[in-house]
Every structure is written in structure tokens, then in C-alpha cells.
């Protein structure tokens, strides 16, 4: 296949997310943890905010509630999380003992993986990149709120 260069911002961001999530998934698998990116993001959110509802997770991650439900279903089957009624038909999603036990290992693997991916990037470039991405995000949210 011919080497094709596509330099649009959206393409580069998508490609970067793909390599980061793929590298993380591989690193987790090497440690015996089956955790695709979609499930990792839900679990990582619960590491910080245990007991959120499915809808709250969807809002935080800017994901479709049905996609979050699927990820939670898979995480529940793998014994990482459980659902607990909190009011009416609303459930909180909580880490199981197994999820709590693996939390430090998963965080360490993720941190080391991302550190490795960013190892050739200066701190200044990294900070500029973060600022750039945050600016795009804030601009998009502001435009959405104008509607």
C-alpha cells in the first residue's frame, strides 16, 4: 500500500487516540488484564468517582448511555463492578473487591504506558499540547452551550 499522509487535525487526534488505547490494551493484556479502552475509561472514571450512575458516567465521558451500559455489563461479567440501587430505578456503579484490588495495578500500568509513549516529548511541548487540546474542548463546549 502506498504511504498516504493525512494531516487534518481530526485524523491526527483519532490516530493518536488509537495508538494510545491500543498500546494500553496490549500492556494490560501482558499483565493478564482483559480491558479494552471503552471499559478502561469507565473503570478509570469509577476509580476517581466510585458509585456514579450509568448516566453520570455517560455525561462525564461524553458517551452514549447505551455504549456505557454495554461497557458496564462487560465489567460486571468480569467482576470489576456491581450495580447497587440508589433510588427508584437508578443504580450506582461500584467497584467490587476484585476491582479495588486491581485498581493500583491498572493505574500503574496505564501511567507507565503513557509515560513511555510520551518519553520523547519535552515537558514544554507536552504542556503546549495539553493547552491546545483544552482550548479546543472549551471552545466546543462554549459553542454547544450557545445553541
Protein backbone atom coordinates (compact mmCIF):
# COMPACT_ATOMS: atom_id res chain seq x y z
CA UNK A 1 0.00 0.00 0.00
CA UNK A 2 1.23 3.44 -0.84
CA UNK A 3 2.23 5.61 2.15
CA UNK A 4 -0.53 8.20 2.37
CA UNK A 5 -0.17 11.26 4.60
CA UNK A 6 -3.28 12.84 6.04
CA UNK A 7 -2.58 15.86 8.19
CA UNK A 8 -6.03 17.01 9.24
CA UNK A 9 -6.39 17.72 12.95
CA UNK A 10 -9.28 15.28 13.42
CA UNK A 11 -7.43 12.47 11.69
CA UNK A 12 -4.27 13.06 13.74
CA UNK A 13 -6.24 13.18 17.00
CA UNK A 14 -8.10 9.98 16.11
CA UNK A 15 -4.87 8.22 15.14
CA UNK A 16 -3.21 9.35 18.38
CA UNK A 17 -6.12 8.10 20.48
CA UNK A 18 -5.99 4.78 18.63
CA UNK A 19 -2.28 4.24 19.29
CA UNK A 20 -2.62 5.24 22.94
CA UNK A 21 -5.62 2.98 23.60
CA UNK A 22 -4.15 0.08 21.61
CA UNK A 23 -0.81 0.34 23.44
CA UNK A 24 -2.58 0.44 26.81
CA UNK A 25 -4.79 -2.53 25.96
CA UNK A 26 -1.71 -4.53 24.94
CA UNK A 27 0.13 -3.60 28.15
CA UNK A 28 -2.86 -4.61 30.27
CA UNK A 29 -3.16 -7.93 28.40
CA UNK A 30 0.53 -8.61 29.06
CA UNK A 31 -0.36 -8.44 32.76
CA UNK A 32 -3.37 -10.75 32.33
CA UNK A 33 -5.99 -7.98 32.41
CA UNK A 34 -8.58 -8.02 29.60
CA UNK A 35 -9.70 -4.40 29.46
CA UNK A 36 -10.49 -2.76 26.12
CA UNK A 37 -10.29 1.04 26.05
CA UNK A 38 -14.07 1.57 26.32
CA UNK A 39 -14.14 -0.48 29.52
CA UNK A 40 -10.90 1.06 30.82
CA UNK A 41 -12.33 4.60 30.59
CA UNK A 42 -15.43 3.59 32.56
CA UNK A 43 -13.34 1.78 35.17
CA UNK A 44 -10.86 4.67 35.44
CA UNK A 45 -13.80 7.04 36.00
CA UNK A 46 -15.04 4.80 38.81
CA UNK A 47 -11.55 4.75 40.32
CA UNK A 48 -11.99 8.51 40.82
CA UNK A 49 -15.76 8.63 41.47
CA UNK A 50 -17.00 5.27 42.74
CA UNK A 51 -20.79 4.95 42.86
CA UNK A 52 -21.74 7.10 39.88
CA UNK A 53 -24.85 6.21 37.93
CA UNK A 54 -24.63 4.94 34.37
CA UNK A 55 -25.96 8.28 33.11
CA UNK A 56 -23.45 10.27 35.17
CA UNK A 57 -20.62 8.21 33.68
CA UNK A 58 -22.01 8.78 30.18
CA UNK A 59 -22.13 12.55 30.75
CA UNK A 60 -18.61 12.67 32.20
CA UNK A 61 -17.17 10.66 29.31
CA UNK A 62 -19.33 12.33 26.63
CA UNK A 63 -20.51 8.89 25.52
CA UNK A 64 -23.84 7.42 24.56
CA UNK A 65 -25.65 5.90 27.57
CA UNK A 66 -26.18 2.63 25.66
CA UNK A 67 -22.43 2.32 25.00
CA UNK A 68 -21.71 2.94 28.68
CA UNK A 69 -24.31 0.32 29.63
CA UNK A 70 -22.56 -2.23 27.42
CA UNK A 71 -19.19 -1.44 28.99
CA UNK A 72 -20.67 -1.73 32.49
CA UNK A 73 -22.31 -5.05 31.55
CA UNK A 74 -18.92 -6.39 30.43
CA UNK A 75 -17.17 -5.04 33.53
CA UNK A 76 -19.85 -6.66 35.69
CA UNK A 77 -19.34 -10.04 33.95
CA UNK A 78 -15.59 -9.71 34.59
CA UNK A 79 -16.31 -8.96 38.28
CA UNK A 80 -14.81 -5.45 38.22
CA UNK A 81 -18.07 -3.66 39.16
CA UNK A 82 -21.56 -4.22 40.51
CA UNK A 83 -24.80 -2.26 40.37
CA UNK A 84 -26.45 -1.13 43.58
CA UNK A 85 -29.90 0.53 43.73
CA UNK A 86 -29.66 4.13 44.96
CA UNK A 87 -33.20 5.39 44.26
CA UNK A 88 -36.17 4.15 42.29
CA UNK A 89 -34.78 2.68 39.09
CA UNK A 90 -31.40 4.45 39.45
CA UNK A 91 -28.34 2.35 40.18
CA UNK A 92 -24.90 3.34 41.36
CA UNK A 93 -21.98 1.53 39.77
CA UNK A 94 -19.41 0.40 42.34
CA UNK A 95 -16.08 -1.35 42.23
CA UNK A 96 -16.08 -4.92 43.52
CA UNK A 97 -13.35 -6.15 45.85
CA UNK A 98 -11.64 -7.54 42.76
CA UNK A 99 -11.87 -4.16 41.01
CA UNK A 100 -10.46 -2.43 44.09
CA UNK A 101 -7.67 -5.00 44.31
CA UNK A 102 -6.62 -4.42 40.68
CA UNK A 103 -7.01 -0.62 40.83
CA UNK A 104 -3.38 0.15 41.82
CA UNK A 105 -2.01 -2.27 39.23
CA UNK A 106 -4.20 -0.89 36.42
CA UNK A 107 -3.29 2.70 37.30
CA UNK A 108 0.43 1.84 37.39
CA UNK A 109 0.27 0.04 34.04
CA UNK A 110 -1.62 2.95 32.46
CA UNK A 111 0.72 5.57 33.92
CA UNK A 112 3.82 3.66 32.78
CA UNK A 113 2.36 3.07 29.33
CA UNK A 114 1.55 6.74 28.78
CA UNK A 115 4.90 7.80 30.26
CA UNK A 116 6.62 5.54 27.75
CA UNK A 117 4.59 6.93 24.85
CA UNK A 118 5.43 10.49 25.90
CA UNK A 119 9.09 9.85 26.71
CA UNK A 120 10.43 11.60 23.61
CA UNK A 121 8.35 14.73 24.14
CA UNK A 122 9.69 17.69 26.09
CA UNK A 123 7.69 18.99 29.03
CA UNK A 124 7.22 22.30 27.20
CA UNK A 125 5.77 20.57 24.13
CA UNK A 126 3.57 18.42 26.37
CA UNK A 127 2.19 21.47 28.20
CA UNK A 128 1.53 23.26 24.90
CA UNK A 129 -0.30 20.17 23.63
CA UNK A 130 -2.46 19.99 26.76
CA UNK A 131 -3.28 23.68 26.49
CA UNK A 132 -4.13 23.30 22.79
CA UNK A 133 -6.46 20.35 23.40
CA UNK A 134 -8.12 22.05 26.39
CA UNK A 135 -8.73 25.16 24.25
CA UNK A 136 -10.43 23.09 21.54
CA UNK A 137 -12.58 21.37 24.16
CA UNK A 138 -13.63 24.61 25.86
CA UNK A 139 -14.39 26.24 22.52
CA UNK A 140 -16.58 23.29 21.52
CA UNK A 141 -18.44 23.31 24.84
CA UNK A 142 -19.00 27.08 24.59
CA UNK A 143 -20.40 26.72 21.06
CA UNK A 144 -22.64 23.86 22.19
CA UNK A 145 -23.99 25.97 25.08
CA UNK A 146 -24.75 28.85 22.68
CA UNK A 147 -27.27 26.69 20.82
